[in-house]
Protein backbone atom coordinates (compact mmCIF):
# COMPACT_ATOMS: atom_id res chain seq x y z
CA UNK A 1 102.55 107.78 81.93
CA UNK A 2 100.12 106.35 79.42
CA UNK A 3 96.58 105.53 80.61
CA UNK A 4 94.89 102.24 79.67
CA UNK A 5 91.40 100.86 80.32
CA UNK A 6 92.22 97.14 80.51
CA UNK A 7 95.33 95.00 80.94
CA UNK A 8 95.86 91.53 79.42
CA UNK A 9 98.78 89.14 79.69
CA UNK A 10 99.34 85.43 79.06
CA UNK A 11 102.27 85.45 81.52
CA UNK A 12 102.18 83.66 84.88
CA UNK A 13 101.85 86.14 87.75
CA UNK A 14 102.17 85.74 91.48
CA UNK A 15 101.93 87.81 94.62
CA UNK A 16 105.42 89.21 95.07
CA UNK A 17 104.72 91.48 98.02
CA UNK A 18 101.87 92.76 100.14
CA UNK A 19 102.54 95.57 102.61
CA UNK A 20 99.61 96.15 104.89
CA UNK A 21 101.34 99.15 106.49
CA UNK A 22 101.70 100.82 103.07
CA UNK A 23 98.46 99.35 101.66
CA UNK A 24 100.29 98.07 98.56
CA UNK A 25 99.97 94.81 96.66
CA UNK A 26 102.61 93.86 94.09
CA UNK A 27 101.94 91.17 91.49
CA UNK A 28 104.87 90.19 89.24
CA UNK A 29 105.21 87.85 86.29
CA UNK A 30 107.48 84.85 86.82
CA UNK A 31 110.19 83.37 84.62
CA UNK A 32 110.24 86.08 81.97
CA UNK A 33 113.10 88.20 80.65
CA UNK A 34 110.80 91.21 80.41
CA UNK A 35 109.27 91.80 83.83
CA UNK A 36 105.85 93.26 84.51
CA UNK A 37 104.94 94.76 87.89
CA UNK A 38 101.28 95.33 88.75
CA UNK A 39 101.27 97.64 91.78
CA UNK A 40 97.92 98.23 93.44
CA UNK A 41 98.04 101.27 95.75
CA UNK A 42 95.88 102.17 98.75
CA UNK A 43 94.59 98.58 98.86
CA UNK A 44 91.53 97.93 101.00
CA UNK A 45 90.40 94.48 99.75
CA UNK A 46 92.20 91.42 98.33
CA UNK A 47 90.61 88.21 97.07
CA UNK A 48 93.31 86.47 95.02
CA UNK A 49 95.11 83.15 94.79
CA UNK A 50 98.91 83.29 95.13
CA UNK A 51 99.50 82.36 91.46
CA UNK A 52 97.65 83.42 88.31
CA UNK A 53 98.17 81.73 84.95
CA UNK A 54 97.49 84.60 82.54
CA UNK A 55 95.16 87.41 83.51
CA UNK A 56 92.85 90.19 82.39
CA UNK A 57 92.35 93.18 84.68
CA UNK A 58 89.22 95.28 84.12
CA UNK A 59 86.65 97.16 86.20
CA UNK A 60 84.40 94.97 88.30
CA UNK A 61 80.73 94.95 87.34
CA UNK A 62 78.28 96.82 89.57
CA UNK A 63 77.06 93.49 90.96
CA UNK A 64 80.65 92.42 91.76
CA UNK A 65 81.39 95.80 93.34
CA UNK A 66 78.28 95.50 95.51
CA UNK A 67 79.41 92.01 96.60
CA UNK A 68 82.80 93.41 97.68
CA UNK A 69 81.07 96.38 99.42
CA UNK A 70 78.97 93.92 101.45
CA UNK A 71 82.18 92.41 102.87
CA UNK A 72 83.63 95.74 104.03
CA UNK A 73 83.17 97.23 107.51
CA UNK A 74 82.93 100.77 106.12
CA UNK A 75 81.36 102.50 103.10
CA UNK A 76 83.24 102.48 99.81
CA UNK A 77 84.54 105.99 99.10
CA UNK A 78 84.22 107.53 95.64
CA UNK A 79 87.94 107.39 94.82
CA UNK A 80 88.20 103.66 95.57
CA UNK A 81 87.84 101.10 92.80
CA UNK A 82 87.21 97.39 92.60
CA UNK A 83 89.39 95.69 89.99
CA UNK A 84 88.29 92.34 88.55
CA UNK A 85 91.10 89.94 87.69
CA UNK A 86 90.09 87.09 85.39
CA UNK A 87 92.40 84.08 85.30
CA UNK A 88 91.89 80.42 84.37
CA UNK A 89 88.12 80.87 84.07
CA UNK A 90 87.74 82.46 87.52
CA UNK A 91 87.21 86.10 88.60
CA UNK A 92 89.03 87.57 91.59
CA UNK A 93 88.97 91.05 93.08
CA UNK A 94 91.28 93.73 94.44
CA UNK A 95 89.96 96.94 95.94
CA UNK A 96 92.37 99.85 95.61
CA UNK A 97 92.62 103.53 94.77
CA UNK A 98 94.94 102.90 91.84
CA UNK A 99 96.90 100.46 89.72
CA UNK A 100 100.30 101.22 88.17
CA UNK A 101 101.81 98.86 85.60
CA UNK A 102 105.52 98.89 84.80
CA UNK A 103 107.31 96.84 82.11
CA UNK A 104 111.07 96.55 82.56
CA UNK A 105 114.20 94.48 82.05
CA UNK A 106 117.45 94.14 83.97
CA UNK A 107 120.60 94.99 82.01
CA UNK A 108 124.25 94.87 83.06
CA UNK A 109 125.55 98.20 84.34
CA UNK A 110 127.36 100.07 81.54
CA UNK A 111 125.47 98.53 78.61
CA UNK A 112 123.29 100.51 76.20
CA UNK A 113 119.60 100.70 77.02
CA UNK A 114 116.82 100.26 74.42
CA UNK A 115 115.65 103.36 72.56
CA UNK A 116 112.88 105.10 74.50
CA UNK A 117 113.65 103.23 77.74
CA UNK A 118 115.01 104.79 80.92
CA UNK A 119 116.91 103.57 83.95
CA UNK A 120 114.72 103.54 87.05
CA UNK A 121 115.45 106.34 89.47
CA UNK A 122 116.83 105.29 92.83
CA UNK A 123 114.43 104.82 95.70
CA UNK A 124 116.72 105.21 98.74
CA UNK A 125 116.90 102.06 100.79
CA UNK A 126 114.61 100.00 98.58
CA UNK A 127 117.14 98.49 96.17
CA UNK A 128 114.30 98.26 93.64
CA UNK A 129 116.19 99.99 90.84
CA UNK A 130 119.27 97.79 90.90
CA UNK A 131 120.09 94.14 91.58
CA UNK A 132 123.79 93.44 91.87
CA UNK A 133 125.53 94.67 88.71
CA UNK A 134 122.25 95.12 86.83
CA UNK A 135 120.19 98.28 86.27
CA UNK A 136 116.41 98.13 86.18
CA UNK A 137 115.55 99.57 82.74
CA UNK A 138 111.95 100.77 82.42
CA UNK A 139 110.41 100.06 79.02
CA UNK A 140 106.92 101.47 79.71
CA UNK A 141 104.73 102.67 82.58
CA UNK A 142 100.92 102.82 82.63
CA UNK A 143 98.20 103.97 84.98
CA UNK A 144 94.97 102.04 84.69
CA UNK A 145 91.96 104.36 84.46
CA UNK A 146 88.33 103.30 84.28
CA UNK A 147 86.94 106.83 84.03
């Protein structure tokens, strides 16, 4: 997986799924042939609208991080990060241990996949790698790193 320091997209994104029990937040772009999943893991704070029209994800400033810390009932551990999400002139925040970004497309089963892409490996019971007669073909995966 490639590491990046900032993520930008003009696509419309929305909250696709939030699992409190797994501490995961999934944002996905809407109405696009090439899908982008933004998966925040070990989530401890969310301050987001349901829909975002374009976005830039970067590290929160120290002042913004302190503001989020003041809203928590426990100290912020070293491995936890505050991500700033800028969209439509506003800044929102997600607190999480990590952020994984995956770009993919769905292709009919049995068709050739793009050079350098791979079919997603099955996750038993999730159905995330296949929808009907379509394979989920991963074009790129990134881990966001601010270090």
